[in-house]
Amino acid sequence: WIGSARSYTGLPKEDHQPHPEYSVVWNDDDDIIKIIINIPENRGGSG
């Protein structure tokens, strides 16, 4: 779904530090920006 994704903490682009708890990938090539946050364990709906 996300296609050619970039990996970093997200927007704004000048912030490239890795997130300590989960990974984030994004793609802003289309009109709607696509972002995926991958959590390393199931933390339930609230997490």
ModelCIF file with pLDDT and N, C-alpha, C, O atoms, coordinates in Angstrom:
data_MODEL
#
_entry.id   MODEL 
#
_entity.id                         1 
_entity.type                       polymer 
_entity.pdbx_number_of_molecules   1 
#
_entity_poly.entity_id                      1 
_entity_poly.type                           'polypeptide(L)' 
_entity_poly.nstd_linkage                   no 
_entity_poly.nstd_monomer                   no 
_entity_poly.pdbx_seq_one_letter_code       WIGSARSYTGLPKEDHQPHPEYSVVWNDDDDIIKIIINIPENRGGSG 
_entity_poly.pdbx_seq_one_letter_code_can   WIGSARSYTGLPKEDHQPHPEYSVVWNDDDDIIKIIINIPENRGGSG 
_entity_poly.pdbx_strand_id                 A 
#
loop_
_entity_poly_seq.entity_id 
_entity_poly_seq.num 
_entity_poly_seq.mon_id 
_entity_poly_seq.hetero 
1 1  TRP n 
1 2  ILE n 
1 3  GLY n 
1 4  SER n 
1 5  ALA n 
1 6  ARG n 
1 7  SER n 
1 8  TYR n 
1 9  THR n 
1 10 GLY n 
1 11 LEU n 
1 12 PRO n 
1 13 LYS n 
1 14 GLU n 
1 15 ASP n 
1 16 HIS n 
1 17 GLN n 
1 18 PRO n 
1 19 HIS n 
1 20 PRO n 
1 21 GLU n 
1 22 TYR n 
1 23 SER n 
1 24 VAL n 
1 25 VAL n 
1 26 TRP n 
1 27 ASN n 
1 28 ASP n 
1 29 ASP n 
1 30 ASP n 
1 31 ASP n 
1 32 ILE n 
1 33 ILE n 
1 34 LYS n 
1 35 ILE n 
1 36 ILE n 
1 37 ILE n 
1 38 ASN n 
1 39 ILE n 
1 40 PRO n 
1 41 GLU n 
1 42 ASN n 
1 43 ARG n 
1 44 GLY n 
1 45 GLY n 
1 46 SER n 
1 47 GLY n 
#
_struct_asym.id          A 
_struct_asym.entity_id   1 
#
loop_
_ma_qa_metric.id 
_ma_qa_metric.mode 
_ma_qa_metric.name 
_ma_qa_metric.software_group_id 
_ma_qa_metric.type 
1 global pLDDT . pLDDT 
2 local  pLDDT . pLDDT 
#
_ma_qa_metric_global.metric_id      1 
_ma_qa_metric_global.metric_value   75.77 
_ma_qa_metric_global.model_id       1 
_ma_qa_metric_global.ordinal_id     1 
#
loop_
_ma_qa_metric_local.label_asym_id 
_ma_qa_metric_local.label_comp_id 
_ma_qa_metric_local.label_seq_id 
_ma_qa_metric_local.metric_id 
_ma_qa_metric_local.metric_value 
_ma_qa_metric_local.model_id 
_ma_qa_metric_local.ordinal_id 
A TRP 1  2 95.00 1 1  
A ILE 2  2 93.00 1 2  
A GLY 3  2 87.00 1 3  
A SER 4  2 70.00 1 4  
A ALA 5  2 62.00 1 5  
A ARG 6  2 65.00 1 6  
A SER 7  2 62.00 1 7  
A TYR 8  2 52.00 1 8  
A THR 9  2 45.00 1 9  
A GLY 10 2 42.00 1 10 
A LEU 11 2 41.00 1 11 
A PRO 12 2 40.00 1 12 
A LYS 13 2 43.00 1 13 
A GLU 14 2 40.00 1 14 
A ASP 15 2 44.00 1 15 
A HIS 16 2 40.00 1 16 
A GLN 17 2 44.00 1 17 
A PRO 18 2 46.00 1 18 
A HIS 19 2 50.00 1 19 
A PRO 20 2 57.00 1 20 
A GLU 21 2 71.00 1 21 
A TYR 22 2 80.00 1 22 
A SER 23 2 85.00 1 23 
A VAL 24 2 89.00 1 24 
A VAL 25 2 89.00 1 25 
A TRP 26 2 86.00 1 26 
A ASN 27 2 89.00 1 27 
A ASP 28 2 86.00 1 28 
A ASP 29 2 85.00 1 29 
A ASP 30 2 87.00 1 30 
A ASP 31 2 92.00 1 31 
A ILE 32 2 95.00 1 32 
A ILE 33 2 94.00 1 33 
A LYS 34 2 95.00 1 34 
A ILE 35 2 95.00 1 35 
A ILE 36 2 96.00 1 36 
A ILE 37 2 95.00 1 37 
A ASN 38 2 94.00 1 38 
A ILE 39 2 93.00 1 39 
A PRO 40 2 91.00 1 40 
A GLU 41 2 91.00 1 41 
A ASN 42 2 92.00 1 42 
A ARG 43 2 93.00 1 43 
A GLY 44 2 94.00 1 44 
A GLY 45 2 95.00 1 45 
A SER 46 2 96.00 1 46 
A GLY 47 2 95.00 1 47 
#
loop_
_atom_site.group_PDB 
_atom_site.id 
_atom_site.type_symbol 
_atom_site.label_atom_id 
_atom_site.label_alt_id 
_atom_site.label_comp_id 
_atom_site.label_asym_id 
_atom_site.label_entity_id 
_atom_site.label_seq_id 
_atom_site.pdbx_PDB_ins_code 
_atom_site.Cartn_x 
_atom_site.Cartn_y 
_atom_site.Cartn_z 
_atom_site.occupancy 
_atom_site.B_iso_or_equiv 
_atom_site.pdbx_formal_charge 
_atom_site.auth_seq_id 
_atom_site.auth_comp_id 
_atom_site.auth_asym_id 
_atom_site.auth_atom_id 
_atom_site.pdbx_PDB_model_num 
ATOM 1   N N  . TRP A 1 1  ? 0.818  -1.217 0.000  1.00 95.00 ? 1  TRP A N  1 
ATOM 2   C CA . TRP A 1 1  ? 0.000  0.000  0.000  1.00 95.00 ? 1  TRP A CA 1 
ATOM 3   C C  . TRP A 1 1  ? 0.850  1.264  0.000  1.00 95.00 ? 1  TRP A C  1 
ATOM 4   O O  . TRP A 1 1  ? 0.558  2.216  -0.724 1.00 95.00 ? 1  TRP A O  1 
ATOM 5   N N  . ILE A 1 2  ? 1.892  1.270  0.808  1.00 93.00 ? 2  ILE A N  1 
ATOM 6   C CA . ILE A 1 2  ? 2.659  2.504  0.956  1.00 93.00 ? 2  ILE A CA 1 
ATOM 7   C C  . ILE A 1 2  ? 3.639  2.721  -0.192 1.00 93.00 ? 2  ILE A C  1 
ATOM 8   O O  . ILE A 1 2  ? 4.064  3.851  -0.432 1.00 93.00 ? 2  ILE A O  1 
ATOM 9   N N  . GLY A 1 3  ? 4.002  1.661  -0.901 1.00 87.00 ? 3  GLY A N  1 
ATOM 10  C CA . GLY A 1 3  ? 4.880  1.814  -2.060 1.00 87.00 ? 3  GLY A CA 1 
ATOM 11  C C  . GLY A 1 3  ? 6.309  2.127  -1.680 1.00 87.00 ? 3  GLY A C  1 
ATOM 12  O O  . GLY A 1 3  ? 6.857  1.523  -0.757 1.00 87.00 ? 3  GLY A O  1 
ATOM 13  N N  . SER A 1 4  ? 6.922  3.069  -2.388 1.00 70.00 ? 4  SER A N  1 
ATOM 14  C CA . SER A 1 4  ? 8.329  3.434  -2.153 1.00 70.00 ? 4  SER A CA 1 
ATOM 15  C C  . SER A 1 4  ? 8.430  4.277  -0.892 1.00 70.00 ? 4  SER A C  1 
ATOM 16  O O  . SER A 1 4  ? 8.358  5.505  -0.946 1.00 70.00 ? 4  SER A O  1 
ATOM 17  N N  . ALA A 1 5  ? 8.597  3.614  0.230  1.00 62.00 ? 5  ALA A N  1 
ATOM 18  C CA . ALA A 1 5  ? 8.558  4.302  1.519  1.00 62.00 ? 5  ALA A CA 1 
ATOM 19  C C  . ALA A 1 5  ? 9.931  4.799  1.942  1.00 62.00 ? 5  ALA A C  1 
ATOM 20  O O  . ALA A 1 5  ? 10.957 4.224  1.581  1.00 62.00 ? 5  ALA A O  1 
ATOM 21  N N  . ARG A 1 6  ? 9.928  5.870  2.707  1.00 65.00 ? 6  ARG A N  1 
ATOM 22  C CA . ARG A 1 6  ? 11.125 6.356  3.392  1.00 65.00 ? 6  ARG A CA 1 
ATOM 23  C C  . ARG A 1 6  ? 11.000 5.972  4.861  1.00 65.00 ? 6  ARG A C  1 
ATOM 24  O O  . ARG A 1 6  ? 9.893  5.780  5.365  1.00 65.00 ? 6  ARG A O  1 
ATOM 25  N N  . SER A 1 7  ? 12.109 5.863  5.529  1.00 62.00 ? 7  SER A N  1 
ATOM 26  C CA . SER A 1 7  ? 12.076 5.488  6.940  1.00 62.00 ? 7  SER A CA 1 
ATOM 27  C C  . SER A 1 7  ? 12.723 6.582  7.780  1.00 62.00 ? 7  SER A C  1 
ATOM 28  O O  . SER A 1 7  ? 13.915 6.861  7.642  1.00 62.00 ? 7  SER A O  1 
ATOM 29  N N  . TYR A 1 8  ? 11.934 7.195  8.644  1.00 52.00 ? 8  TYR A N  1 
ATOM 30  C CA . TYR A 1 8  ? 12.432 8.077  9.694  1.00 52.00 ? 8  TYR A CA 1 
ATOM 31  C C  . TYR A 1 8  ? 11.259 8.402  10.592 1.00 52.00 ? 8  TYR A C  1 
ATOM 32  O O  . TYR A 1 8  ? 10.174 7.843  10.429 1.00 52.00 ? 8  TYR A O  1 
ATOM 33  N N  . THR A 1 9  ? 11.463 9.291  11.530 1.00 45.00 ? 9  THR A N  1 
ATOM 34  C CA . THR A 1 9  ? 10.415 9.530  12.509 1.00 45.00 ? 9  THR A CA 1 
ATOM 35  C C  . THR A 1 9  ? 9.226  10.247 11.920 1.00 45.00 ? 9  THR A C  1 
ATOM 36  O O  . THR A 1 9  ? 8.150  10.211 12.519 1.00 45.00 ? 9  THR A O  1 
ATOM 37  N N  . GLY A 1 10 ? 9.359  10.900 10.776 1.00 42.00 ? 10 GLY A N  1 
ATOM 38  C CA . GLY A 1 10 ? 8.183  11.493 10.163 1.00 42.00 ? 10 GLY A CA 1 
ATOM 39  C C  . GLY A 1 10 ? 8.337  12.947 9.820  1.00 42.00 ? 10 GLY A C  1 
ATOM 40  O O  . GLY A 1 10 ? 9.443  13.407 9.537  1.00 42.00 ? 10 GLY A O  1 
ATOM 41  N N  . LEU A 1 11 ? 7.254  13.673 9.841  1.00 41.00 ? 11 LEU A N  1 
ATOM 42  C CA . LEU A 1 11 ? 7.252  15.074 9.486  1.00 41.00 ? 11 LEU A CA 1 
ATOM 43  C C  . LEU A 1 11 ? 7.512  15.913 10.734 1.00 41.00 ? 11 LEU A C  1 
ATOM 44  O O  . LEU A 1 11 ? 7.037  15.552 11.811 1.00 41.00 ? 11 LEU A O  1 
ATOM 45  N N  . PRO A 1 12 ? 8.234  16.998 10.630 1.00 40.00 ? 12 PRO A N  1 
ATOM 46  C CA . PRO A 1 12 ? 8.873  17.570 9.458  1.00 40.00 ? 12 PRO A CA 1 
ATOM 47  C C  . PRO A 1 12 ? 10.122 16.817 9.030  1.00 40.00 ? 12 PRO A C  1 
ATOM 48  O O  . PRO A 1 12 ? 10.679 16.046 9.811  1.00 40.00 ? 12 PRO A O  1 
ATOM 49  N N  . LYS A 1 13 ? 10.564 17.031 7.809  1.00 43.00 ? 13 LYS A N  1 
ATOM 50  C CA . LYS A 1 13 ? 11.618 16.219 7.231  1.00 43.00 ? 13 LYS A CA 1 
ATOM 51  C C  . LYS A 1 13 ? 12.984 16.425 7.877  1.00 43.00 ? 13 LYS A C  1 
ATOM 52  O O  . LYS A 1 13 ? 13.859 15.567 7.770  1.00 43.00 ? 13 LYS A O  1 
ATOM 53  N N  . GLU A 1 14 ? 13.168 17.563 8.550  1.00 40.00 ? 14 GLU A N  1 
ATOM 54  C CA . GLU A 1 14 ? 14.487 17.796 9.140  1.00 40.00 ? 14 GLU A CA 1 
ATOM 55  C C  . GLU A 1 14 ? 14.744 16.933 10.370 1.00 40.00 ? 14 GLU A C  1 
ATOM 56  O O  . GLU A 1 14 ? 15.878 16.850 10.841 1.00 40.00 ? 14 GLU A O  1 
ATOM 57  N N  . ASP A 1 15 ? 13.719 16.300 10.885 1.00 44.00 ? 15 ASP A N  1 
ATOM 58  C CA . ASP A 1 15 ? 13.872 15.438 12.056 1.00 44.00 ? 15 ASP A CA 1 
ATOM 59  C C  . ASP A 1 15 ? 14.049 13.998 11.601 1.00 44.00 ? 15 ASP A C  1 
ATOM 60  O O  . ASP A 1 15 ? 13.083 13.367 11.173 1.00 44.00 ? 15 ASP A O  1 
ATOM 61  N N  . HIS A 1 16 ? 15.263 13.468 11.685 1.00 40.00 ? 16 HIS A N  1 
ATOM 62  C CA . HIS A 1 16 ? 15.548 12.132 11.163 1.00 40.00 ? 16 HIS A CA 1 
ATOM 63  C C  . HIS A 1 16 ? 15.989 11.158 12.254 1.00 40.00 ? 16 HIS A C  1 
ATOM 64  O O  . HIS A 1 16 ? 16.559 10.109 11.951 1.00 40.00 ? 16 HIS A O  1 
ATOM 65  N N  . GLN A 1 17 ? 15.734 11.490 13.511 1.00 44.00 ? 17 GLN A N  1 
ATOM 66  C CA . GLN A 1 17 ? 16.164 10.604 14.580 1.00 44.00 ? 17 GLN A CA 1 
ATOM 67  C C  . GLN A 1 17 ? 15.212 9.416  14.695 1.00 44.00 ? 17 GLN A C  1 
ATOM 68  O O  . GLN A 1 17 ? 13.999 9.601  14.603 1.00 44.00 ? 17 GLN A O  1 
ATOM 69  N N  . PRO A 1 18 ? 15.733 8.191  14.895 1.00 46.00 ? 18 PRO A N  1 
ATOM 70  C CA . PRO A 1 18 ? 14.859 7.021  15.024 1.00 46.00 ? 18 PRO A CA 1 
ATOM 71  C C  . PRO A 1 18 ? 14.003 7.109  16.288 1.00 46.00 ? 18 PRO A C  1 
ATOM 72  O O  . PRO A 1 18 ? 14.453 7.611  17.317 1.00 46.00 ? 18 PRO A O  1 
ATOM 73  N N  . HIS A 1 19 ? 12.775 6.620  16.200 1.00 50.00 ? 19 HIS A N  1 
ATOM 74  C CA . HIS A 1 19 ? 11.911 6.607  17.366 1.00 50.00 ? 19 HIS A CA 1 
ATOM 75  C C  . HIS A 1 19 ? 12.342 5.480  18.300 1.00 50.00 ? 19 HIS A C  1 
ATOM 76  O O  . HIS A 1 19 ? 12.612 4.375  17.829 1.00 50.00 ? 19 HIS A O  1 
ATOM 77  N N  . PRO A 1 20 ? 12.415 5.725  19.607 1.00 57.00 ? 20 PRO A N  1 
ATOM 78  C CA . PRO A 1 20 ? 12.917 4.700  20.526 1.00 57.00 ? 20 PRO A CA 1 
ATOM 79  C C  . PRO A 1 20 ? 11.994 3.514  20.708 1.00 57.00 ? 20 PRO A C  1 
ATOM 80  O O  . PRO A 1 20 ? 12.443 2.462  21.164 1.00 57.00 ? 20 PRO A O  1 
ATOM 81  N N  . GLU A 1 21 ? 10.700 3.644  20.364 1.00 71.00 ? 21 GLU A N  1 
ATOM 82  C CA . GLU A 1 21 ? 9.757  2.579  20.665 1.00 71.00 ? 21 GLU A CA 1 
ATOM 83  C C  . GLU A 1 21 ? 9.194  1.881  19.443 1.00 71.00 ? 21 GLU A C  1 
ATOM 84  O O  . GLU A 1 21 ? 8.834  0.707  19.525 1.00 71.00 ? 21 GLU A O  1 
ATOM 85  N N  . TYR A 1 22 ? 9.106  2.568  18.306 1.00 80.00 ? 22 TYR A N  1 
ATOM 86  C CA . TYR A 1 22 ? 8.509  1.944  17.134 1.00 80.00 ? 22 TYR A CA 1 
ATOM 87  C C  . TYR A 1 22 ? 9.083  2.572  15.883 1.00 80.00 ? 22 TYR A C  1 
ATOM 88  O O  . TYR A 1 22 ? 9.657  3.661  15.917 1.00 80.00 ? 22 TYR A O  1 
ATOM 89  N N  . SER A 1 23 ? 8.916  1.857  14.766 1.00 85.00 ? 23 SER A N  1 
ATOM 90  C CA . SER A 1 23 ? 9.438  2.343  13.492 1.00 85.00 ? 23 SER A CA 1 
ATOM 91  C C  . SER A 1 23 ? 8.330  3.030  12.702 1.00 85.00 ? 23 SER A C  1 
ATOM 92  O O  . SER A 1 23 ? 7.156  2.674  12.812 1.00 85.00 ? 23 SER A O  1 
ATOM 93  N N  . VAL A 1 24 ? 8.719  4.014  11.910 1.00 89.00 ? 24 VAL A N  1 
ATOM 94  C CA . VAL A 1 24 ? 7.780  4.768  11.108 1.00 89.00 ? 24 VAL A CA 1 
ATOM 95  C C  . VAL A 1 24 ? 8.283  4.824  9.676  1.00 89.00 ? 24 VAL A C  1 
ATOM 96  O O  . VAL A 1 24 ? 9.455  5.116  9.437  1.00 89.00 ? 24 VAL A O  1 
ATOM 97  N N  . VAL A 1 25 ? 7.402  4.546  8.722  1.00 89.00 ? 25 VAL A N  1 
ATOM 98  C CA . VAL A 1 25 ? 7.725  4.722  7.306  1.00 89.00 ? 25 VAL A CA 1 
ATOM 99  C C  . VAL A 1 25 ? 6.651  5.616  6.694  1.00 89.00 ? 25 VAL A C  1 
ATOM 100 O O  . VAL A 1 25 ? 5.515  5.648  7.167  1.00 89.00 ? 25 VAL A O  1 
ATOM 101 N N  . TRP A 1 26 ? 7.019  6.338  5.643  1.00 86.00 ? 26 TRP A N  1 
ATOM 102 C CA . TRP A 1 26 ? 6.084  7.282  5.062  1.00 86.00 ? 26 TRP A CA 1 
ATOM 103 C C  . TRP A 1 26 ? 6.312  7.391  3.563  1.00 86.00 ? 26 TRP A C  1 
ATOM 104 O O  . TRP A 1 26 ? 7.365  7.010  3.051  1.00 86.00 ? 26 TRP A O  1 
ATOM 105 N N  . ASN A 1 27 ? 5.320  7.911  2.877  1.00 89.00 ? 27 ASN A N  1 
ATOM 106 C CA . ASN A 1 27 ? 5.424  8.168  1.449  1.00 89.00 ? 27 ASN A CA 1 
ATOM 107 C C  . ASN A 1 27 ? 4.553  9.387  1.136  1.00 89.00 ? 27 ASN A C  1 
ATOM 108 O O  . ASN A 1 27 ? 3.339  9.354  1.338  1.00 89.00 ? 27 ASN A O  1 
ATOM 109 N N  . ASP A 1 28 ? 5.168  10.451 0.649  1.00 86.00 ? 28 ASP A N  1 
ATOM 110 C CA . ASP A 1 28 ? 4.424  11.664 0.324  1.00 86.00 ? 28 ASP A CA 1 
ATOM 111 C C  . ASP A 1 28 ? 4.415  11.951 -1.173 1.00 86.00 ? 28 ASP A C  1 
ATOM 112 O O  . ASP A 1 28 ? 4.286  13.102 -1.589 1.00 86.00 ? 28 ASP A O  1 
ATOM 113 N N  . ASP A 1 29 ? 4.552  10.892 -1.989 1.00 85.00 ? 29 ASP A N  1 
ATOM 114 C CA . ASP A 1 29 ? 4.543  11.070 -3.444 1.00 85.00 ? 29 ASP A CA 1 
ATOM 115 C C  . ASP A 1 29 ? 3.141  11.368 -3.984 1.00 85.00 ? 29 ASP A C  1 
ATOM 116 O O  . ASP A 1 29 ? 3.005  11.984 -5.040 1.00 85.00 ? 29 ASP A O  1 
ATOM 117 N N  . ASP A 1 30 ? 2.102  10.934 -3.267 1.00 87.00 ? 30 ASP A N  1 
ATOM 118 C CA . ASP A 1 30 ? 0.726  11.137 -3.719 1.00 87.00 ? 30 ASP A CA 1 
ATOM 119 C C  . ASP A 1 30 ? 0.100  12.327 -2.998 1.00 87.00 ? 30 ASP A C  1 
ATOM 120 O O  . ASP A 1 30 ? 0.718  12.932 -2.121 1.00 87.00 ? 30 ASP A O  1 
ATOM 121 N N  . ASP A 1 31 ? -1.124 12.651 -3.377 1.00 92.00 ? 31 ASP A N  1 
ATOM 122 C CA . ASP A 1 31 ? -1.824 13.775 -2.757 1.00 92.00 ? 31 ASP A CA 1 
ATOM 123 C C  . ASP A 1 31 ? -2.071 13.536 -1.271 1.00 92.00 ? 31 ASP A C  1 
ATOM 124 O O  . ASP A 1 31 ? -2.027 14.468 -0.468 1.00 92.00 ? 31 ASP A O  1 
ATOM 125 N N  . ILE A 1 32 ? -2.332 12.278 -0.913 1.00 95.00 ? 32 ILE A N  1 
ATOM 126 C CA . ILE A 1 32 ? -2.522 11.922 0.494  1.00 95.00 ? 32 ILE A CA 1 
ATOM 127 C C  . ILE A 1 32 ? -1.235 11.292 1.015  1.00 95.00 ? 32 ILE A C  1 
ATOM 128 O O  . ILE A 1 32 ? -0.777 10.284 0.477  1.00 95.00 ? 32 ILE A O  1 
ATOM 129 N N  . ILE A 1 33 ? -0.655 11.871 2.046  1.00 94.00 ? 33 ILE A N  1 
ATOM 130 C CA . ILE A 1 33 ? 0.566  11.308 2.634  1.00 94.00 ? 33 ILE A CA 1 
ATOM 131 C C  . ILE A 1 33 ? 0.222  9.995  3.347  1.00 94.00 ? 33 ILE A C  1 
ATOM 132 O O  . ILE A 1 33 ? -0.743 9.935  4.109  1.00 94.00 ? 33 ILE A O  1 
ATOM 133 N N  . LYS A 1 34 ? 1.002  8.962  3.101  1.00 95.00 ? 34 LYS A N  1 
ATOM 134 C CA . LYS A 1 34 ? 0.791  7.666  3.735  1.00 95.00 ? 34 LYS A CA 1 
ATOM 135 C C  . LYS A 1 34 ? 1.872  7.439  4.791  1.00 95.00 ? 34 LYS A C  1 
ATOM 136 O O  . LYS A 1 34 ? 3.064  7.594  4.523  1.00 95.00 ? 34 LYS A O  1 
ATOM 137 N N  . ILE A 1 35 ? 1.440  7.075  5.976  1.00 95.00 ? 35 ILE A N  1 
ATOM 138 C CA . ILE A 1 35 ? 2.366  6.855  7.095  1.00 95.00 ? 35 ILE A CA 1 
ATOM 139 C C  . ILE A 1 35 ? 1.999  5.548  7.788  1.00 95.00 ? 35 ILE A C  1 
ATOM 140 O O  . ILE A 1 35 ? 0.826  5.294  8.061  1.00 95.00 ? 35 ILE A O  1 
ATOM 141 N N  . ILE A 1 36 ? 2.987  4.732  8.068  1.00 96.00 ? 36 ILE A N  1 
ATOM 142 C CA . ILE A 1 36 ? 2.768  3.491  8.822  1.00 96.00 ? 36 ILE A CA 1 
ATOM 143 C C  . ILE A 1 36 ? 3.616  3.528  10.086 1.00 96.00 ? 36 ILE A C  1 
ATOM 144 O O  . ILE A 1 36 ? 4.820  3.777  10.028 1.00 96.00 ? 36 ILE A O  1 
ATOM 145 N N  . ILE A 1 37 ? 2.989  3.281  11.213 1.00 95.00 ? 37 ILE A N  1 
ATOM 146 C CA . ILE A 1 37 ? 3.691  3.132  12.488 1.00 95.00 ? 37 ILE A CA 1 
ATOM 147 C C  . ILE A 1 37 ? 3.637  1.662  12.860 1.00 95.00 ? 37 ILE A C  1 
ATOM 148 O O  . ILE A 1 37 ? 2.557  1.109  13.068 1.00 95.00 ? 37 ILE A O  1 
ATOM 149 N N  . ASN A 1 38 ? 4.782  1.035  12.942 1.00 94.00 ? 38 ASN A N  1 
ATOM 150 C CA . ASN A 1 38 ? 4.873  -0.381 13.297 1.00 94.00 ? 38 ASN A CA 1 
ATOM 151 C C  . ASN A 1 38 ? 5.289  -0.517 14.753 1.00 94.00 ? 38 ASN A C  1 
ATOM 152 O O  . ASN A 1 38 ? 6.397  -0.137 15.133 1.00 94.00 ? 38 ASN A O  1 
ATOM 153 N N  . ILE A 1 39 ? 4.388  -1.064 15.566 1.00 93.00 ? 39 ILE A N  1 
ATOM 154 C CA . ILE A 1 39 ? 4.669  -1.274 16.984 1.00 93.00 ? 39 ILE A CA 1 
ATOM 155 C C  . ILE A 1 39 ? 5.225  -2.686 17.167 1.00 93.00 ? 39 ILE A C  1 
ATOM 156 O O  . ILE A 1 39 ? 4.672  -3.627 16.597 1.00 93.00 ? 39 ILE A O  1 
ATOM 157 N N  . PRO A 1 40 ? 6.295  -2.867 17.937 1.00 91.00 ? 40 PRO A N  1 
ATOM 158 C CA . PRO A 1 40 ? 6.953  -4.176 18.019 1.00 91.00 ? 40 PRO A CA 1 
ATOM 159 C C  . PRO A 1 40 ? 6.199  -5.241 18.799 1.00 91.00 ? 40 PRO A C  1 
ATOM 160 O O  . PRO A 1 40 ? 6.613  -6.400 18.817 1.00 91.00 ? 40 PRO A O  1 
ATOM 161 N N  . GLU A 1 41 ? 5.096  -4.865 19.445 1.00 91.00 ? 41 GLU A N  1 
ATOM 162 C CA . GLU A 1 41 ? 4.268  -5.830 20.175 1.00 91.00 ? 41 GLU A CA 1 
ATOM 163 C C  . GLU A 1 41 ? 2.839  -5.315 20.179 1.00 91.00 ? 41 GLU A C  1 
ATOM 164 O O  . GLU A 1 41 ? 2.603  -4.127 19.959 1.00 91.00 ? 41 GLU A O  1 
ATOM 165 N N  . ASN A 1 42 ? 1.895  -6.194 20.426 1.00 92.00 ? 42 ASN A N  1 
ATOM 166 C CA . ASN A 1 42 ? 0.502  -5.774 20.484 1.00 92.00 ? 42 ASN A CA 1 
ATOM 167 C C  . ASN A 1 42 ? 0.251  -5.033 21.795 1.00 92.00 ? 42 ASN A C  1 
ATOM 168 O O  . ASN A 1 42 ? 0.298  -5.626 22.873 1.00 92.00 ? 42 ASN A O  1 
ATOM 169 N N  . ARG A 1 43 ? -0.012 -3.744 21.694 1.00 93.00 ? 43 ARG A N  1 
ATOM 170 C CA . ARG A 1 43 ? -0.285 -2.934 22.879 1.00 93.00 ? 43 ARG A CA 1 
ATOM 171 C C  . ARG A 1 43 ? -1.760 -2.591 23.010 1.00 93.00 ? 43 ARG A C  1 
ATOM 172 O O  . ARG A 1 43 ? -2.130 -1.674 23.743 1.00 93.00 ? 43 ARG A O  1 
ATOM 173 N N  . GLY A 1 44 ? -2.592 -3.326 22.302 1.00 94.00 ? 44 GLY A N  1 
ATOM 174 C CA . GLY A 1 44 ? -4.020 -3.110 22.389 1.00 94.00 ? 44 GLY A CA 1 
ATOM 175 C C  . GLY A 1 44 ? -4.454 -1.845 21.685 1.00 94.00 ? 44 GLY A C  1 
ATOM 176 O O  . GLY A 1 44 ? -3.635 -1.074 21.185 1.00 94.00 ? 44 GLY A O  1 
ATOM 177 N N  . GLY A 1 45 ? -5.768 -1.648 21.656 1.00 95.00 ? 45 GLY A N  1 
ATOM 178 C CA . GLY A 1 45 ? -6.289 -0.459 21.004 1.00 95.00 ? 45 GLY A CA 1 
ATOM 179 C C  . GLY A 1 45 ? -5.774 0.816  21.627 1.00 95.00 ? 45 GLY A C  1 
ATOM 180 O O  . GLY A 1 45 ? -5.439 1.762  20.914 1.00 95.00 ? 45 GLY A O  1 
ATOM 181 N N  . SER A 1 46 ? -5.703 0.858  22.960 1.00 96.00 ? 46 SER A N  1 
ATOM 182 C CA . SER A 1 46 ? -5.266 2.091  23.623 1.00 96.00 ? 46 SER A CA 1 
ATOM 183 C C  . SER A 1 46 ? -3.805 2.405  23.308 1.00 96.00 ? 46 SER A C  1 
ATOM 184 O O  . SER A 1 46 ? -3.447 3.569  23.128 1.00 96.00 ? 46 SER A O  1 
ATOM 185 N N  . GLY A 1 47 ? -2.962 1.375  23.241 1.00 95.00 ? 47 GLY A N  1 
ATOM 186 C CA . GLY A 1 47 ? -1.566 1.606  22.875 1.00 95.00 ? 47 GLY A CA 1 
ATOM 187 C C  . GLY A 1 47 ? -1.436 2.082  21.444 1.00 95.00 ? 47 GLY A C  1 
ATOM 188 O O  . GLY A 1 47 ? -0.324 2.325  20.972 1.00 95.00 ? 47 GLY A O  1 
#
